[in-house]
Amino acid sequence: MVTFVTTNAGKVDEAREYLGEVEQHAFDYPELQADDLGTVAASGARAAYEHVGGPVIVDDSGLTIEALDGFPGPYSSYVEDTLGIERVWELTREESRAGAFRAVIAYCDGEPFEATPEPVDVDRRGQDLAAGERASATTDEQVDGRGVPVKLFEGVVPGRIVEPRGDGGFGYDPIFEYDGRTFAEMDVEEKNAVSHRGRALAKFAEWYAEADR
C-alpha cells in the first residue's frame, strides 16, 4: 500500500479511484521554491519518505499560461492569493489564451528504479530528454546527494484562459475552459474524469501495478 502525504483529503479520495487502498498521512512537508513542478514534487517526496519511512506519493500542480511563458506554474497558489484569478484573466485577455493545468505525482520508496520512459529526479538531469535518449535515466547520476531517487508522473489538461464562469470548483477553475466549459461549470465527477491530477495518477497506477515493489 502507498501513502499519500497530503493535508487534502479530497486528493486522497481521487487517488483511491485509481489505486484502490491509499493511506493519508497529513504531514505538511516543507515546499521547495523552484520554477519546475517536478523539482518541487521530488523534493517533497524525499521529505515525506524520510518522515514516513515507507513508500509515499506527493503531488504538486499548477496552471501554466502560454502567453506568460508558463507562469504561474509552481507559484500558482501564491499568484492566486496575491493577484486573484480575475487579474490573471485580465493579464491574458489580449494575448494568446492557451493554457494548461499540470500535475506531477512523485513517488519515493528509498529504492532504485529500473530504467523506464518516466523521469527520475534529480536536478532535472534526464527529464528534458526524449524517452529513447534517457534509457539510462535511473542511474546514480540521476539521484541527489542523499541518494534517494524519485519517480515522476505528469498529467496535463490543455485548455484556454477565459473570463470567469461557473460557481463550482476552486482556485483557477472559473477561468480555465476545457472542451467548452470551465472547470467551475463541471460537477466533481466530471472534473475528476479529465483532471490533470487524475491523468498523473493513472500513469502512476499503471506503473505501480507492474513494478516489482
C-alpha atoms as a PDB file:
ATOM      1  CA  MET A   1       0.000   0.000   0.000  1.00  0.00           C
ATOM      2  CA  VAL A   2       1.165   3.512  -0.791  1.00  0.00           C
ATOM      3  CA  THR A   3       0.789   6.512   1.492  1.00  0.00           C
ATOM      4  CA  PHE A   4      -0.356   9.826   0.033  1.00  0.00           C
ATOM      5  CA  VAL A   5       1.311  12.562   2.051  1.00  0.00           C
ATOM      6  CA  THR A   6      -1.063  15.494   1.894  1.00  0.00           C
ATOM      7  CA  THR A   7      -3.322  17.523   4.143  1.00  0.00           C
ATOM      8  CA  ASN A   8      -6.040  17.477   1.455  1.00  0.00           C
ATOM      9  CA  ALA A   9      -8.457  14.564   1.924  1.00  0.00           C
ATOM     10  CA  GLY A  10     -10.039  15.277  -1.471  1.00  0.00           C
ATOM     11  CA  LYS A  11      -6.780  14.413  -3.213  1.00  0.00           C
ATOM     12  CA  VAL A  12      -6.693  11.091  -1.385  1.00  0.00           C
ATOM     13  CA  ASP A  13     -10.256  10.282  -2.466  1.00  0.00           C
ATOM     14  CA  GLU A  14      -9.258  10.949  -6.074  1.00  0.00           C
ATOM     15  CA  ALA A  15      -6.164   8.744  -5.702  1.00  0.00           C
ATOM     16  CA  ARG A  16      -8.280   5.870  -4.412  1.00  0.00           C
ATOM     17  CA  GLU A  17     -10.216   5.871  -7.675  1.00  0.00           C
ATOM     18  CA  TYR A  18      -7.004   4.832  -9.425  1.00  0.00           C
ATOM     19  CA  LEU A  19      -5.061   2.964  -6.745  1.00  0.00           C
ATOM     20  CA  GLY A  20      -7.647   1.361  -4.509  1.00  0.00           C
ATOM     21  CA  GLU A  21      -6.324   1.340  -0.969  1.00  0.00           C
ATOM     22  CA  VAL A  22      -4.432   4.540  -0.178  1.00  0.00           C
ATOM     23  CA  GLU A  23      -3.495   5.789   3.273  1.00  0.00           C
ATOM     24  CA  GLN A  24      -3.420   9.501   4.009  1.00  0.00           C
ATOM     25  CA  HIS A  25      -0.648  10.994   6.094  1.00  0.00           C
ATOM     26  CA  ALA A  26      -1.267  14.659   6.859  1.00  0.00           C
ATOM     27  CA  PHE A  27       2.331  15.812   7.101  1.00  0.00           C
ATOM     28  CA  ASP A  28       2.915  19.394   5.980  1.00  0.00           C
ATOM     29  CA  TYR A  29       6.385  18.909   4.486  1.00  0.00           C
ATOM     30  CA  PRO A  30       8.494  21.965   3.595  1.00  0.00           C
ATOM     31  CA  GLU A  31       7.939  23.037  -0.010  1.00  0.00           C
ATOM     32  CA  LEU A  32      10.951  23.869  -2.116  1.00  0.00           C
ATOM     33  CA  GLN A  33      10.716  27.090  -4.108  1.00  0.00           C
ATOM     34  CA  ALA A  34      11.615  26.263  -7.711  1.00  0.00           C
ATOM     35  CA  ASP A  35      10.489  27.084 -11.247  1.00  0.00           C
ATOM     36  CA  ASP A  36       9.575  23.491 -12.085  1.00  0.00           C
ATOM     37  CA  LEU A  37       6.718  21.373 -10.720  1.00  0.00           C
ATOM     38  CA  GLY A  38       8.749  18.167 -10.927  1.00  0.00           C
ATOM     39  CA  THR A  39      11.592  19.599  -8.857  1.00  0.00           C
ATOM     40  CA  VAL A  40       9.153  20.802  -6.196  1.00  0.00           C
ATOM     41  CA  ALA A  41       7.308  17.476  -6.079  1.00  0.00           C
ATOM     42  CA  ALA A  42      10.520  15.444  -5.932  1.00  0.00           C
ATOM     43  CA  SER A  43      11.818  17.480  -3.013  1.00  0.00           C
ATOM     44  CA  GLY A  44       8.526  16.966  -1.212  1.00  0.00           C
ATOM     45  CA  ALA A  45       8.579  13.225  -1.879  1.00  0.00           C
ATOM     46  CA  ARG A  46      12.043  12.892  -0.332  1.00  0.00           C
ATOM     47  CA  ALA A  47      10.981  14.852   2.754  1.00  0.00           C
ATOM     48  CA  ALA A  48       7.788  12.783   3.021  1.00  0.00           C
ATOM     49  CA  TYR A  49       9.656   9.494   2.645  1.00  0.00           C
ATOM     50  CA  GLU A  50      12.141  10.460   5.336  1.00  0.00           C
ATOM     51  CA  HIS A  51       9.244  11.386   7.643  1.00  0.00           C
ATOM     52  CA  VAL A  52       7.037   8.341   6.961  1.00  0.00           C
ATOM     53  CA  GLY A  53       9.765   5.748   6.469  1.00  0.00           C
ATOM     54  CA  GLY A  54       7.905   3.892   3.719  1.00  0.00           C
ATOM     55  CA  PRO A  55       6.568   4.239   0.165  1.00  0.00           C
ATOM     56  CA  VAL A  56       4.944   7.630  -0.397  1.00  0.00           C
ATOM     57  CA  ILE A  57       3.471   9.785  -3.103  1.00  0.00           C
ATOM     58  CA  VAL A  58       3.079  13.549  -3.069  1.00  0.00           C
ATOM     59  CA  ASP A  59       1.777  15.859  -5.738  1.00  0.00           C
ATOM     60  CA  ASP A  60       2.361  19.354  -6.984  1.00  0.00           C
ATOM     61  CA  SER A  61       0.225  21.137  -9.536  1.00  0.00           C
ATOM     62  CA  GLY A  62      -0.275  24.478 -11.175  1.00  0.00           C
ATOM     63  CA  LEU A  63      -1.671  26.489 -14.044  1.00  0.00           C
ATOM     64  CA  THR A  64       0.677  27.309 -16.915  1.00  0.00           C
ATOM     65  CA  ILE A  65      -0.193  30.068 -19.385  1.00  0.00           C
ATOM     66  CA  GLU A  66       1.458  30.149 -22.802  1.00  0.00           C
ATOM     67  CA  ALA A  67       1.442  33.948 -23.121  1.00  0.00           C
ATOM     68  CA  LEU A  68       3.201  34.223 -19.758  1.00  0.00           C
ATOM     69  CA  ASP A  69       5.918  31.689 -20.640  1.00  0.00           C
ATOM     70  CA  GLY A  70       4.417  29.028 -18.394  1.00  0.00           C
ATOM     71  CA  PHE A  71       3.814  31.310 -15.427  1.00  0.00           C
ATOM     72  CA  PRO A  72       2.440  30.972 -12.749  1.00  0.00           C
ATOM     73  CA  GLY A  73       3.244  27.219 -12.683  1.00  0.00           C
ATOM     74  CA  PRO A  74       4.640  26.268  -9.256  1.00  0.00           C
ATOM     75  CA  TYR A  75       3.729  29.728  -7.997  1.00  0.00           C
ATOM     76  CA  SER A  76       0.032  29.323  -8.820  1.00  0.00           C
ATOM     77  CA  SER A  77      -1.180  29.367  -5.229  1.00  0.00           C
ATOM     78  CA  TYR A  78       0.846  32.468  -4.384  1.00  0.00           C
ATOM     79  CA  VAL A  79      -0.331  34.298  -7.509  1.00  0.00           C
ATOM     80  CA  GLU A  80      -3.953  33.392  -6.778  1.00  0.00           C
ATOM     81  CA  ASP A  81      -3.632  34.711  -3.237  1.00  0.00           C
ATOM     82  CA  THR A  82      -1.845  37.923  -4.217  1.00  0.00           C
ATOM     83  CA  LEU A  83      -3.352  38.859  -7.600  1.00  0.00           C
ATOM     84  CA  GLY A  84      -6.572  36.862  -7.760  1.00  0.00           C
ATOM     85  CA  ILE A  85      -7.899  34.927 -10.719  1.00  0.00           C
ATOM     86  CA  GLU A  86      -9.664  37.930 -12.239  1.00  0.00           C
ATOM     87  CA  ARG A  87      -6.339  39.756 -12.547  1.00  0.00           C
ATOM     88  CA  VAL A  88      -4.748  36.693 -14.158  1.00  0.00           C
ATOM     89  CA  TRP A  89      -7.570  36.710 -16.696  1.00  0.00           C
ATOM     90  CA  GLU A  90      -7.031  40.426 -17.345  1.00  0.00           C
ATOM     91  CA  LEU A  91      -3.324  39.838 -17.964  1.00  0.00           C
ATOM     92  CA  THR A  92      -4.078  37.289 -20.678  1.00  0.00           C
ATOM     93  CA  ARG A  93      -7.284  38.518 -22.318  1.00  0.00           C
ATOM     94  CA  GLU A  94      -5.468  40.363 -25.131  1.00  0.00           C
ATOM     95  CA  GLU A  95      -2.867  37.624 -25.640  1.00  0.00           C
ATOM     96  CA  SER A  96      -2.892  34.019 -26.758  1.00  0.00           C
ATOM     97  CA  ARG A  97      -5.089  32.395 -24.150  1.00  0.00           C
ATOM     98  CA  ALA A  98      -3.750  28.875 -24.411  1.00  0.00           C
ATOM     99  CA  GLY A  99      -3.018  27.332 -21.034  1.00  0.00           C
ATOM    100  CA  ALA A 100      -2.830  24.040 -19.231  1.00  0.00           C
ATOM    101  CA  PHE A 101      -3.341  22.579 -15.809  1.00  0.00           C
ATOM    102  CA  ARG A 102      -0.367  20.383 -14.907  1.00  0.00           C
ATOM    103  CA  ALA A 103       0.142  17.947 -12.049  1.00  0.00           C
ATOM    104  CA  VAL A 104       3.116  15.837 -11.035  1.00  0.00           C
ATOM    105  CA  ILE A 105       2.842  12.752  -8.860  1.00  0.00           C
ATOM    106  CA  ALA A 106       6.180  11.983  -7.193  1.00  0.00           C
ATOM    107  CA  TYR A 107       6.828   8.509  -5.768  1.00  0.00           C
ATOM    108  CA  CYS A 108       9.626   7.553  -3.396  1.00  0.00           C
ATOM    109  CA  ASP A 109      10.309   4.300  -1.561  1.00  0.00           C
ATOM    110  CA  GLY A 110      14.042   4.615  -0.981  1.00  0.00           C
ATOM    111  CA  GLU A 111      14.930   2.068  -3.662  1.00  0.00           C
ATOM    112  CA  PRO A 112      16.401   2.470  -7.163  1.00  0.00           C
ATOM    113  CA  PHE A 113      14.181   2.079 -10.226  1.00  0.00           C
ATOM    114  CA  GLU A 114      14.570   0.206 -13.469  1.00  0.00           C
ATOM    115  CA  ALA A 115      15.041   2.464 -16.486  1.00  0.00           C
ATOM    116  CA  THR A 116      11.681   3.496 -17.968  1.00  0.00           C
ATOM    117  CA  PRO A 117      10.385   6.376 -20.092  1.00  0.00           C
ATOM    118  CA  GLU A 118       9.261   8.156 -16.915  1.00  0.00           C
ATOM    119  CA  PRO A 119      11.864  10.526 -15.490  1.00  0.00           C
ATOM    120  CA  VAL A 120      13.704  10.050 -12.245  1.00  0.00           C
ATOM    121  CA  ASP A 121      14.588  13.244 -10.442  1.00  0.00           C
ATOM    122  CA  VAL A 122      17.052  14.943  -9.511  1.00  0.00           C
ATOM    123  CA  ASP A 123      18.278  18.326 -10.671  1.00  0.00           C
ATOM    124  CA  ARG A 124      16.403  17.946 -13.971  1.00  0.00           C
ATOM    125  CA  ARG A 125      19.106  15.653 -15.368  1.00  0.00           C
ATOM    126  CA  GLY A 126      17.450  13.448 -17.969  1.00  0.00           C
ATOM    127  CA  GLN A 127      13.971  14.914 -17.550  1.00  0.00           C
ATOM    128  CA  ASP A 128      14.166  17.041 -20.687  1.00  0.00           C
ATOM    129  CA  LEU A 129      15.392  14.203 -22.892  1.00  0.00           C
ATOM    130  CA  ALA A 130      13.182  12.179 -25.182  1.00  0.00           C
ATOM    131  CA  ALA A 131      12.241   8.757 -23.848  1.00  0.00           C
ATOM    132  CA  GLY A 132      14.687   6.997 -26.130  1.00  0.00           C
ATOM    133  CA  GLU A 133      17.528   9.233 -25.019  1.00  0.00           C
ATOM    134  CA  ARG A 134      17.007   8.651 -21.313  1.00  0.00           C
ATOM    135  CA  ALA A 135      17.147   4.862 -21.315  1.00  0.00           C
ATOM    136  CA  SER A 136      19.681   5.072 -18.504  1.00  0.00           C
ATOM    137  CA  ALA A 137      17.877   7.850 -16.662  1.00  0.00           C
ATOM    138  CA  THR A 138      17.739   5.857 -13.459  1.00  0.00           C
ATOM    139  CA  THR A 139      21.445   5.596 -12.803  1.00  0.00           C
ATOM    140  CA  ASP A 140      23.086   7.012  -9.700  1.00  0.00           C
ATOM    141  CA  GLU A 141      23.888  10.193 -11.615  1.00  0.00           C
ATOM    142  CA  GLN A 142      20.157  10.917 -11.641  1.00  0.00           C
ATOM    143  CA  VAL A 143      19.980  10.943  -7.846  1.00  0.00           C
ATOM    144  CA  ASP A 144      20.699  13.767  -5.477  1.00  0.00           C
ATOM    145  CA  GLY A 145      23.335  13.894  -2.756  1.00  0.00           C
ATOM    146  CA  ARG A 146      21.197  11.932  -0.333  1.00  0.00           C
ATOM    147  CA  GLY A 147      20.917   9.043  -2.746  1.00  0.00           C
ATOM    148  CA  VAL A 148      17.105   8.896  -2.757  1.00  0.00           C
ATOM    149  CA  PRO A 149      15.615   8.517  -6.254  1.00  0.00           C
ATOM    150  CA  VAL A 150      12.118   9.756  -7.046  1.00  0.00           C
ATOM    151  CA  LYS A 151       9.857   8.739  -9.948  1.00  0.00           C
ATOM    152  CA  LEU A 152       7.782  11.470 -11.572  1.00  0.00           C
ATOM    153  CA  PHE A 153       4.471  11.118 -13.415  1.00  0.00           C
ATOM    154  CA  GLU A 154       2.943  14.166 -15.133  1.00  0.00           C
ATOM    155  CA  GLY A 155      -0.649  14.773 -16.116  1.00  0.00           C
ATOM    156  CA  VAL A 156      -1.641  17.661 -18.388  1.00  0.00           C
ATOM    157  CA  VAL A 157      -5.035  19.103 -19.353  1.00  0.00           C
ATOM    158  CA  PRO A 158      -4.816  21.649 -22.184  1.00  0.00           C
ATOM    159  CA  GLY A 159      -7.345  24.454 -22.265  1.00  0.00           C
ATOM    160  CA  ARG A 160      -7.973  28.196 -22.537  1.00  0.00           C
ATOM    161  CA  ILE A 161      -7.913  31.083 -20.084  1.00  0.00           C
ATOM    162  CA  VAL A 162     -11.337  32.779 -20.184  1.00  0.00           C
ATOM    163  CA  GLU A 163     -13.426  35.301 -18.320  1.00  0.00           C
ATOM    164  CA  PRO A 164     -14.583  33.735 -15.019  1.00  0.00           C
ATOM    165  CA  ARG A 165     -17.632  31.478 -15.345  1.00  0.00           C
ATOM    166  CA  GLY A 166     -19.270  28.955 -13.041  1.00  0.00           C
ATOM    167  CA  ASP A 167     -19.935  28.584  -9.345  1.00  0.00           C
ATOM    168  CA  GLY A 168     -18.178  25.298  -8.593  1.00  0.00           C
ATOM    169  CA  GLY A 169     -14.612  24.179  -8.081  1.00  0.00           C
ATOM    170  CA  PHE A 170     -11.900  26.283  -6.514  1.00  0.00           C
ATOM    171  CA  GLY A 171      -8.748  28.194  -7.376  1.00  0.00           C
ATOM    172  CA  TYR A 172      -8.401  28.883 -11.092  1.00  0.00           C
ATOM    173  CA  ASP A 173     -11.332  26.671 -12.095  1.00  0.00           C
ATOM    174  CA  PRO A 174     -13.606  29.594 -13.116  1.00  0.00           C
ATOM    175  CA  ILE A 175     -11.087  30.907 -15.686  1.00  0.00           C
ATOM    176  CA  PHE A 176      -9.929  27.555 -17.103  1.00  0.00           C
ATOM    177  CA  GLU A 177     -12.011  26.298 -20.011  1.00  0.00           C
ATOM    178  CA  TYR A 178     -11.794  22.726 -21.246  1.00  0.00           C
ATOM    179  CA  ASP A 179     -13.927  21.411 -24.099  1.00  0.00           C
ATOM    180  CA  GLY A 180     -16.268  24.399 -23.995  1.00  0.00           C
ATOM    181  CA  ARG A 181     -16.831  24.588 -20.228  1.00  0.00           C
ATOM    182  CA  THR A 182     -14.809  25.902 -17.349  1.00  0.00           C
ATOM    183  CA  PHE A 183     -13.834  23.547 -14.563  1.00  0.00           C
ATOM    184  CA  ALA A 184     -16.108  25.633 -12.329  1.00  0.00           C
ATOM    185  CA  GLU A 185     -19.051  24.713 -14.573  1.00  0.00           C
ATOM    186  CA  MET A 186     -18.425  20.983 -14.087  1.00  0.00           C
ATOM    187  CA  ASP A 187     -19.511  18.851 -11.166  1.00  0.00           C
ATOM    188  CA  VAL A 188     -16.884  16.957  -9.166  1.00  0.00           C
ATOM    189  CA  GLU A 189     -17.277  13.721 -11.119  1.00  0.00           C
ATOM    190  CA  GLU A 190     -16.955  15.446 -14.491  1.00  0.00           C
ATOM    191  CA  LYS A 191     -13.907  17.402 -13.403  1.00  0.00           C
ATOM    192  CA  ASN A 192     -12.170  14.381 -11.871  1.00  0.00           C
ATOM    193  CA  ALA A 193     -12.744  12.431 -15.083  1.00  0.00           C
ATOM    194  CA  VAL A 194     -10.499  14.847 -17.013  1.00  0.00           C
ATOM    195  CA  SER A 195      -8.342  16.302 -14.254  1.00  0.00           C
ATOM    196  CA  HIS A 196      -4.604  16.782 -14.541  1.00  0.00           C
ATOM    197  CA  ARG A 197      -4.081  15.029 -11.204  1.00  0.00           C
ATOM    198  CA  GLY A 198      -6.208  12.116 -12.375  1.00  0.00           C
ATOM    199  CA  ARG A 199      -4.123  11.754 -15.532  1.00  0.00           C
ATOM    200  CA  ALA A 200      -0.926  11.745 -13.496  1.00  0.00           C
ATOM    201  CA  LEU A 201      -2.428   9.233 -11.056  1.00  0.00           C
ATOM    202  CA  ALA A 202      -3.461   6.980 -13.933  1.00  0.00           C
ATOM    203  CA  LYS A 203       0.119   6.901 -15.233  1.00  0.00           C
ATOM    204  CA  PHE A 204       1.442   6.179 -11.762  1.00  0.00           C
ATOM    205  CA  ALA A 205      -1.171   3.471 -11.119  1.00  0.00           C
ATOM    206  CA  GLU A 206      -0.240   1.682 -14.344  1.00  0.00           C
ATOM    207  CA  TRP A 207       3.457   1.740 -13.481  1.00  0.00           C
ATOM    208  CA  TYR A 208       2.908   0.840  -9.841  1.00  0.00           C
ATOM    209  CA  ALA A 209       0.767  -2.191 -10.735  1.00  0.00           C
ATOM    210  CA  GLU A 210       3.545  -3.561 -12.919  1.00  0.00           C
ATOM    211  CA  ALA A 211       6.525  -2.546 -10.766  1.00  0.00           C
ATOM    212  CA  ASP A 212       8.296  -5.181  -8.727  1.00  0.00           C
ATOM    213  CA  ARG A 213       7.911  -3.466  -5.380  1.00  0.00           C
END
